[in-house]
Protein backbone atom coordinates (compact mmCIF):
# COMPACT_ATOMS: atom_id res chain seq x y z
CA GLN A 1 113.68 102.18 93.00
CA VAL A 2 110.26 101.26 91.63
CA GLN A 3 108.31 102.96 88.86
CA LEU A 4 104.56 102.42 88.72
CA VAL A 5 102.19 102.93 85.80
CA GLU A 6 98.43 102.58 86.25
CA SER A 7 95.96 101.77 83.49
CA GLY A 8 92.38 100.63 83.06
CA GLY A 9 90.49 103.68 84.20
CA GLY A 10 87.61 105.16 82.27
CA LEU A 11 83.93 106.01 82.24
CA VAL A 12 81.48 103.39 83.46
CA GLN A 13 77.80 103.39 84.38
CA ALA A 14 76.69 102.89 87.95
CA GLY A 15 76.54 99.20 88.75
CA GLY A 16 79.27 98.40 86.26
CA SER A 17 82.79 97.06 86.68
CA LEU A 18 86.35 98.06 85.86
CA ARG A 19 89.72 96.43 86.41
CA LEU A 20 92.69 98.66 87.10
CA SER A 21 96.24 97.49 86.55
CA CYS A 22 99.49 98.82 87.92
CA ALA A 23 102.66 97.72 86.19
CA ALA A 24 105.87 98.03 88.16
CA SER A 25 109.45 98.19 87.03
CA GLY A 26 112.32 96.64 88.92
CA ARG A 27 113.44 93.17 89.85
CA THR A 28 112.30 93.33 93.44
CA PHE A 29 108.56 93.79 92.87
CA GLY A 30 107.86 90.59 94.76
CA THR A 31 109.26 92.08 97.96
CA TYR A 32 106.97 95.13 98.00
CA ALA A 33 103.63 95.61 99.64
CA MET A 34 101.24 97.28 97.21
CA ALA A 35 98.20 99.45 97.71
CA TRP A 36 95.55 101.43 95.90
CA PHE A 37 94.48 104.89 97.02
CA ARG A 38 92.02 107.28 95.45
CA GLN A 39 91.36 111.00 95.43
CA ALA A 40 87.97 112.44 94.61
CA PRO A 41 87.56 116.07 93.49
CA GLY A 42 88.00 118.43 96.42
CA LYS A 43 88.96 115.66 98.82
CA GLY A 44 92.13 114.18 100.23
CA ARG A 45 93.69 110.95 99.12
CA GLU A 46 92.12 107.93 100.82
CA PHE A 47 93.12 104.33 101.25
CA VAL A 48 91.26 101.75 99.16
CA ALA A 49 93.06 98.40 99.42
CA ALA A 50 96.43 96.84 100.20
CA ILE A 51 98.14 93.51 99.59
CA ASN A 52 101.25 91.99 101.06
CA TRP A 53 104.29 90.82 99.08
CA SER A 54 102.97 87.33 98.39
CA GLY A 55 99.32 88.18 97.83
CA GLY A 56 98.32 86.07 100.78
CA SER A 57 97.07 88.95 102.88
CA THR A 58 94.79 91.80 101.88
CA HIS A 59 92.96 94.68 103.53
CA TYR A 60 90.16 96.94 102.32
CA ALA A 61 88.54 100.20 103.26
CA ASP A 62 85.03 99.66 104.59
CA SER A 63 83.59 101.65 101.70
CA VAL A 64 84.80 99.12 99.11
CA LYS A 65 84.75 95.87 101.07
CA GLY A 66 82.82 93.20 99.22
CA ARG A 67 82.90 95.16 95.94
CA PHE A 68 86.62 95.58 95.19
CA THR A 69 89.33 92.92 95.04
CA ILE A 70 93.06 93.56 95.05
CA SER A 71 95.40 90.94 93.62
CA ARG A 72 98.91 90.68 92.26
CA ASP A 73 100.93 88.64 89.79
CA ASN A 74 104.57 88.79 90.81
CA ALA A 75 105.64 87.04 87.61
CA LYS A 76 104.16 89.96 85.65
CA ASN A 77 105.17 92.70 88.12
CA THR A 78 101.55 93.81 88.21
CA VAL A 79 98.93 94.53 90.82
CA TYR A 80 95.23 94.70 90.00
CA LEU A 81 92.10 96.24 91.44
CA GLN A 82 88.88 94.62 90.31
CA MET A 83 86.01 97.03 90.99
CA ASN A 84 82.42 95.81 90.87
CA SER A 85 79.08 97.43 91.67
CA LEU A 86 80.54 100.86 91.08
CA ASN A 87 78.65 103.94 92.21
CA SER A 88 79.14 107.68 91.88
CA GLU A 89 81.07 107.85 95.14
CA ASP A 90 83.79 105.73 93.55
CA THR A 91 84.56 108.51 91.06
CA ALA A 92 88.16 109.53 91.69
CA VAL A 93 91.71 109.37 90.46
CA TYR A 94 93.11 106.01 91.52
CA TYR A 95 96.77 105.66 92.44
CA CYS A 96 98.85 102.59 93.11
CA ALA A 97 101.64 102.70 95.65
CA ALA A 98 104.53 100.49 96.69
CA ASP A 99 106.92 100.12 99.57
CA ILE A 100 108.61 97.61 101.80
CA PRO A 101 106.86 97.95 105.15
CA PRO A 102 109.27 97.87 108.10
CA TYR A 103 106.91 96.53 110.76
CA SER A 104 103.83 95.04 109.15
CA GLU A 105 102.64 93.27 106.02
CA TYR A 106 101.32 96.51 104.47
CA GLY A 107 100.33 100.04 105.36
CA VAL A 108 97.02 101.86 105.07
CA HIS A 109 98.30 105.44 105.18
CA GLU A 110 99.81 107.59 102.46
CA GLY A 111 102.97 108.00 104.47
CA ASP A 112 103.53 104.25 104.49
CA TYR A 113 104.38 104.32 100.77
CA GLU A 114 107.35 105.85 99.05
CA TYR A 115 106.60 105.01 95.41
CA TRP A 116 103.51 106.22 93.56
CA GLY A 117 102.08 106.01 90.10
CA GLN A 118 100.66 108.95 88.15
CA GLY A 119 97.05 107.91 88.67
CA THR A 120 94.20 106.83 86.43
CA GLN A 121 90.78 108.48 86.31
CA VAL A 122 87.66 106.47 87.12
CA THR A 123 84.34 108.17 86.47
CA VAL A 124 81.05 106.51 87.37
CA SER A 125 77.96 107.98 85.75
CA ALA A 126 74.52 107.73 87.30
């Protein structure tokens, strides 16, 4: 069982940066793949970034590649999402997710993750 709590969201101007954090409970955090998803108003939840258990492998959605960086600190049971060059299309509720993938280093679909945080709002103003 893993409990996830996101923080770091807020209001930022276009072109600015934010760093989201996701703190996880449990002693086995280091065995979980972690991911960030987001949901904009009126849209479905979409994949943003994923990282494997060690942090040695990452994957990004094309829309954020080169602007966002996912990382983790297993000693602190925390995963991060550094977001740079933000624009209005990045406005959404951001969720972190965790699971132990059975066949790969991480998943990119909602159904690949069993544990979810409550979300944190990111609003980018023009």
